[in-house]
C-alpha cells in the first residue's frame, strides 16, 4: 500500500493529479452516457436526437423560464385535467 506524500508541494501535485484523473473518468462516463442515449434514439425512433442552437439571450430566457415557478392557477387546472376520467375508462 502506498502512503500519502508528506511534503506539502508533493501533496498539491498529488491532489491535482488525482483531480485530473477523476475529471478524465467523469468526462469519459458522460460521453459514454451521451453515446448510449444517442444509440437508443436511433434504435427506437430511427433518428438521432435533435440539436438546438440558440443565442446567449435566448438561452438566458429559457433558463429564466425554467427556474420561474409556474402560476398556481395553471397548476390547479393541470391537476383537474389529470384527475379527469379518460374516455376509454367506462
N, C-alpha and C. Protein backbone atom coordinates (compact mmCIF):
# COMPACT_ATOMS: atom_id res chain seq x y z
N UNK A 1 0.84 -1.18 0.00
CA UNK A 1 0.00 0.00 0.00
C UNK A 1 0.89 1.24 0.00
N UNK A 2 0.53 2.22 -0.82
CA UNK A 2 1.34 3.44 -0.88
C UNK A 2 0.85 4.43 0.16
N UNK A 3 1.80 5.14 0.73
CA UNK A 3 1.43 6.15 1.72
C UNK A 3 1.28 7.49 1.04
N UNK A 4 0.53 8.37 1.64
CA UNK A 4 0.35 9.71 1.09
C UNK A 4 1.63 10.51 1.26
N UNK A 5 1.92 11.43 0.34
CA UNK A 5 3.12 12.24 0.46
C UNK A 5 3.06 13.17 1.67
N UNK A 6 4.23 13.41 2.27
CA UNK A 6 4.29 14.28 3.45
C UNK A 6 4.71 15.70 3.10
N UNK A 7 5.42 15.88 2.02
CA UNK A 7 5.87 17.20 1.59
C UNK A 7 4.67 17.99 1.04
N UNK A 8 4.41 19.22 1.51
CA UNK A 8 3.24 19.98 1.04
C UNK A 8 3.20 20.21 -0.47
N UNK A 9 4.38 20.45 -1.09
CA UNK A 9 4.41 20.66 -2.54
C UNK A 9 4.02 19.38 -3.27
N UNK A 10 4.53 18.27 -2.77
CA UNK A 10 4.19 16.98 -3.37
C UNK A 10 2.71 16.68 -3.18
N UNK A 11 2.18 17.08 -2.03
CA UNK A 11 0.76 16.85 -1.75
C UNK A 11 -0.12 17.60 -2.76
N UNK A 12 0.25 18.85 -3.07
CA UNK A 12 -0.53 19.65 -4.03
C UNK A 12 -0.50 18.98 -5.40
N UNK A 13 0.67 18.52 -5.80
CA UNK A 13 0.80 17.83 -7.09
C UNK A 13 -0.03 16.54 -7.07
N UNK A 14 0.04 15.81 -5.95
CA UNK A 14 -0.68 14.55 -5.81
C UNK A 14 -2.20 14.78 -5.92
N UNK A 15 -2.70 15.78 -5.19
CA UNK A 15 -4.14 16.09 -5.21
C UNK A 15 -4.55 16.57 -6.59
N UNK A 16 -3.73 17.42 -7.21
CA UNK A 16 -4.03 17.92 -8.54
C UNK A 16 -4.10 16.80 -9.57
N UNK A 17 -3.16 15.86 -9.48
CA UNK A 17 -3.17 14.75 -10.43
C UNK A 17 -4.36 13.84 -10.20
N UNK A 18 -4.77 13.67 -8.93
CA UNK A 18 -5.95 12.85 -8.64
C UNK A 18 -7.21 13.52 -9.19
N UNK A 19 -7.28 14.85 -9.10
CA UNK A 19 -8.43 15.57 -9.64
C UNK A 19 -8.49 15.43 -11.16
N UNK A 20 -7.32 15.50 -11.81
CA UNK A 20 -7.29 15.34 -13.27
C UNK A 20 -7.78 13.95 -13.66
N UNK A 21 -7.34 12.95 -12.91
CA UNK A 21 -7.77 11.58 -13.19
C UNK A 21 -9.27 11.45 -12.98
N UNK A 22 -9.77 12.04 -11.89
CA UNK A 22 -11.21 11.98 -11.58
C UNK A 22 -12.01 12.62 -12.72
N UNK A 23 -11.61 13.82 -13.15
CA UNK A 23 -12.36 14.50 -14.20
C UNK A 23 -12.22 13.81 -15.54
N UNK A 24 -11.10 13.16 -15.78
CA UNK A 24 -10.95 12.38 -17.01
C UNK A 24 -11.99 11.28 -17.05
N UNK A 25 -12.14 10.54 -15.95
CA UNK A 25 -13.10 9.44 -15.92
C UNK A 25 -14.54 9.95 -15.92
N UNK A 26 -14.79 11.08 -15.25
CA UNK A 26 -16.14 11.66 -15.30
C UNK A 26 -16.50 12.06 -16.72
N UNK A 27 -15.56 12.70 -17.41
CA UNK A 27 -15.79 13.11 -18.79
C UNK A 27 -16.04 11.89 -19.66
N UNK A 28 -15.25 10.85 -19.45
CA UNK A 28 -15.43 9.61 -20.20
C UNK A 28 -16.80 9.02 -19.93
N UNK A 29 -17.25 9.04 -18.68
CA UNK A 29 -18.56 8.49 -18.30
C UNK A 29 -19.68 9.26 -18.98
N UNK A 30 -19.62 10.61 -18.96
CA UNK A 30 -20.68 11.39 -19.57
C UNK A 30 -20.71 11.22 -21.09
N UNK A 31 -19.55 11.07 -21.69
CA UNK A 31 -19.52 10.81 -23.13
C UNK A 31 -20.16 9.46 -23.44
N UNK A 32 -19.90 8.47 -22.59
CA UNK A 32 -20.49 7.14 -22.77
C UNK A 32 -22.02 7.22 -22.61
N UNK A 33 -22.50 7.95 -21.58
CA UNK A 33 -23.94 8.08 -21.37
C UNK A 33 -24.58 8.78 -22.56
N UNK A 34 -23.93 9.82 -23.08
CA UNK A 34 -24.45 10.54 -24.23
C UNK A 34 -24.51 9.63 -25.45
N UNK A 35 -23.49 8.81 -25.64
CA UNK A 35 -23.44 7.88 -26.76
C UNK A 35 -24.56 6.85 -26.64
N UNK A 36 -24.81 6.35 -25.40
CA UNK A 36 -25.88 5.38 -25.20
C UNK A 36 -27.24 6.00 -25.49
N UNK A 37 -27.45 7.26 -25.05
CA UNK A 37 -28.71 7.94 -25.31
C UNK A 37 -28.93 8.09 -26.81
N UNK A 38 -27.88 8.50 -27.51
CA UNK A 38 -27.99 8.68 -28.96
C UNK A 38 -28.29 7.35 -29.63
N UNK A 39 -27.65 6.29 -29.17
CA UNK A 39 -27.87 4.96 -29.75
C UNK A 39 -29.32 4.50 -29.52
N UNK A 40 -29.86 4.77 -28.32
CA UNK A 40 -31.25 4.41 -28.03
C UNK A 40 -32.21 5.19 -28.93
N UNK A 41 -31.93 6.46 -29.14
CA UNK A 41 -32.79 7.26 -30.02
C UNK A 41 -32.78 6.71 -31.43
N UNK A 42 -31.61 6.32 -31.90
CA UNK A 42 -31.52 5.77 -33.25
C UNK A 42 -32.28 4.46 -33.31
N UNK A 43 -32.15 3.62 -32.29
CA UNK A 43 -32.79 2.31 -32.28
C UNK A 43 -34.31 2.44 -32.21
N UNK A 44 -34.82 3.26 -31.29
CA UNK A 44 -36.26 3.32 -31.05
C UNK A 44 -36.99 4.34 -31.92
N UNK A 45 -36.34 5.44 -32.23
CA UNK A 45 -37.00 6.48 -33.01
C UNK A 45 -36.55 6.51 -34.46
N UNK A 46 -35.45 5.82 -34.75
CA UNK A 46 -34.94 5.81 -36.11
C UNK A 46 -34.22 7.08 -36.49
N UNK A 47 -33.83 7.89 -35.51
CA UNK A 47 -33.13 9.13 -35.82
C UNK A 47 -32.27 9.56 -34.63
N UNK A 48 -31.33 10.42 -34.89
CA UNK A 48 -30.51 10.98 -33.82
C UNK A 48 -31.32 12.07 -33.10
N UNK A 49 -30.99 12.34 -31.82
CA UNK A 49 -31.69 13.43 -31.13
C UNK A 49 -31.37 14.76 -31.80
N UNK A 50 -32.35 15.65 -31.81
CA UNK A 50 -32.16 16.94 -32.44
C UNK A 50 -31.27 17.84 -31.60
N UNK A 51 -30.51 18.68 -32.27
CA UNK A 51 -29.70 19.68 -31.57
C UNK A 51 -30.30 21.05 -31.87
N UNK A 52 -30.38 21.85 -30.84
CA UNK A 52 -30.88 23.22 -30.99
C UNK A 52 -29.75 24.19 -30.72
N UNK A 53 -29.58 25.14 -31.58
CA UNK A 53 -28.59 26.17 -31.37
C UNK A 53 -29.32 27.47 -31.06
N UNK A 54 -29.03 28.05 -29.91
CA UNK A 54 -29.70 29.29 -29.51
C UNK A 54 -28.64 30.34 -29.16
N UNK A 55 -29.06 31.58 -29.22
CA UNK A 55 -28.16 32.66 -28.84
C UNK A 55 -28.08 32.73 -27.31
N UNK A 56 -27.15 33.53 -26.83
CA UNK A 56 -26.99 33.67 -25.38
C UNK A 56 -28.25 34.25 -24.75
N UNK A 57 -28.87 35.22 -25.41
CA UNK A 57 -30.09 35.83 -24.87
C UNK A 57 -31.24 34.82 -24.82
N UNK A 58 -31.37 34.02 -25.87
CA UNK A 58 -32.42 33.00 -25.89
C UNK A 58 -32.18 31.95 -24.81
N UNK A 59 -30.91 31.58 -24.62
CA UNK A 59 -30.58 30.60 -23.58
C UNK A 59 -30.91 31.16 -22.20
N UNK A 60 -30.56 32.41 -21.95
CA UNK A 60 -30.87 33.04 -20.66
C UNK A 60 -32.37 33.09 -20.43
N UNK A 61 -33.15 33.38 -21.49
CA UNK A 61 -34.61 33.41 -21.36
C UNK A 61 -35.16 32.01 -21.04
N UNK A 62 -34.60 30.99 -21.67
CA UNK A 62 -35.02 29.61 -21.38
C UNK A 62 -34.74 29.23 -19.94
N UNK A 63 -33.54 29.54 -19.47
CA UNK A 63 -33.17 29.20 -18.09
C UNK A 63 -34.05 29.96 -17.11
N UNK A 64 -34.33 31.22 -17.40
CA UNK A 64 -35.19 32.01 -16.52
C UNK A 64 -36.60 31.42 -16.47
N UNK A 65 -37.13 31.00 -17.62
CA UNK A 65 -38.47 30.40 -17.67
C UNK A 65 -38.51 29.07 -16.92
N UNK A 66 -37.45 28.29 -17.00
CA UNK A 66 -37.39 27.01 -16.30
C UNK A 66 -37.32 27.23 -14.79
N UNK A 67 -36.55 28.21 -14.36
CA UNK A 67 -36.37 28.45 -12.92
C UNK A 67 -37.55 29.17 -12.28
N UNK A 68 -38.37 29.84 -13.09
CA UNK A 68 -39.51 30.58 -12.54
C UNK A 68 -40.62 29.60 -12.17
N UNK A 69 -41.18 29.69 -10.96
CA UNK A 69 -42.25 28.76 -10.59
C UNK A 69 -43.51 29.01 -11.43
N UNK A 70 -44.26 27.95 -11.73
CA UNK A 70 -45.46 28.13 -12.55
C UNK A 70 -46.58 28.84 -11.79
N UNK A 71 -47.52 29.38 -12.54
CA UNK A 71 -48.67 30.06 -11.96
C UNK A 71 -49.54 29.04 -11.21
N UNK A 72 -49.94 29.31 -9.97
CA UNK A 72 -50.76 28.35 -9.20
C UNK A 72 -52.07 27.98 -9.88
N UNK A 73 -52.68 28.92 -10.61
CA UNK A 73 -53.93 28.62 -11.32
C UNK A 73 -53.70 27.56 -12.40
N UNK A 74 -52.58 27.69 -13.09
CA UNK A 74 -52.25 26.73 -14.14
C UNK A 74 -52.00 25.35 -13.53
N UNK A 75 -51.33 25.31 -12.40
CA UNK A 75 -51.06 24.04 -11.73
C UNK A 75 -52.36 23.38 -11.29
N UNK A 76 -53.29 24.15 -10.73
CA UNK A 76 -54.58 23.60 -10.31
C UNK A 76 -55.36 23.06 -11.50
N UNK A 77 -55.38 23.81 -12.59
CA UNK A 77 -56.09 23.36 -13.79
C UNK A 77 -55.47 22.08 -14.34
N UNK A 78 -54.15 21.99 -14.31
CA UNK A 78 -53.46 20.79 -14.77
C UNK A 78 -53.83 19.59 -13.90
N UNK A 79 -53.91 19.79 -12.58
CA UNK A 79 -54.31 18.71 -11.67
C UNK A 79 -55.73 18.25 -11.97
N UNK A 80 -56.63 19.20 -12.25
CA UNK A 80 -58.00 18.83 -12.59
C UNK A 80 -58.05 17.99 -13.86
N UNK A 81 -57.29 18.40 -14.86
CA UNK A 81 -57.27 17.67 -16.13
C UNK A 81 -56.71 16.26 -15.91
N UNK A 82 -55.66 16.15 -15.12
CA UNK A 82 -55.05 14.83 -14.90
C UNK A 82 -55.94 13.92 -14.07
N UNK A 83 -56.79 14.47 -13.21
CA UNK A 83 -57.69 13.66 -12.39
C UNK A 83 -58.98 13.28 -13.12
N UNK A 84 -59.20 13.86 -14.27
CA UNK A 84 -60.40 13.57 -15.05
C UNK A 84 -60.36 12.13 -15.55
N UNK A 85 -61.51 11.54 -15.69
CA UNK A 85 -61.62 10.18 -16.20
C UNK A 85 -61.34 10.17 -17.70
N UNK A 86 -60.56 9.22 -18.15
CA UNK A 86 -60.25 9.11 -19.57
C UNK A 86 -61.48 8.57 -20.31
N UNK A 87 -61.65 8.93 -21.58
CA UNK A 87 -62.83 8.47 -22.33
C UNK A 87 -62.93 6.95 -22.44
N UNK A 88 -61.82 6.26 -22.44
CA UNK A 88 -61.85 4.80 -22.59
C UNK A 88 -61.99 4.06 -21.25
N UNK A 89 -62.17 4.78 -20.16
CA UNK A 89 -62.29 4.17 -18.83
C UNK A 89 -63.76 4.02 -18.40
N UNK A 90 -64.63 3.68 -19.29
CA UNK A 90 -66.05 3.49 -18.93
C UNK A 90 -66.36 2.07 -18.54
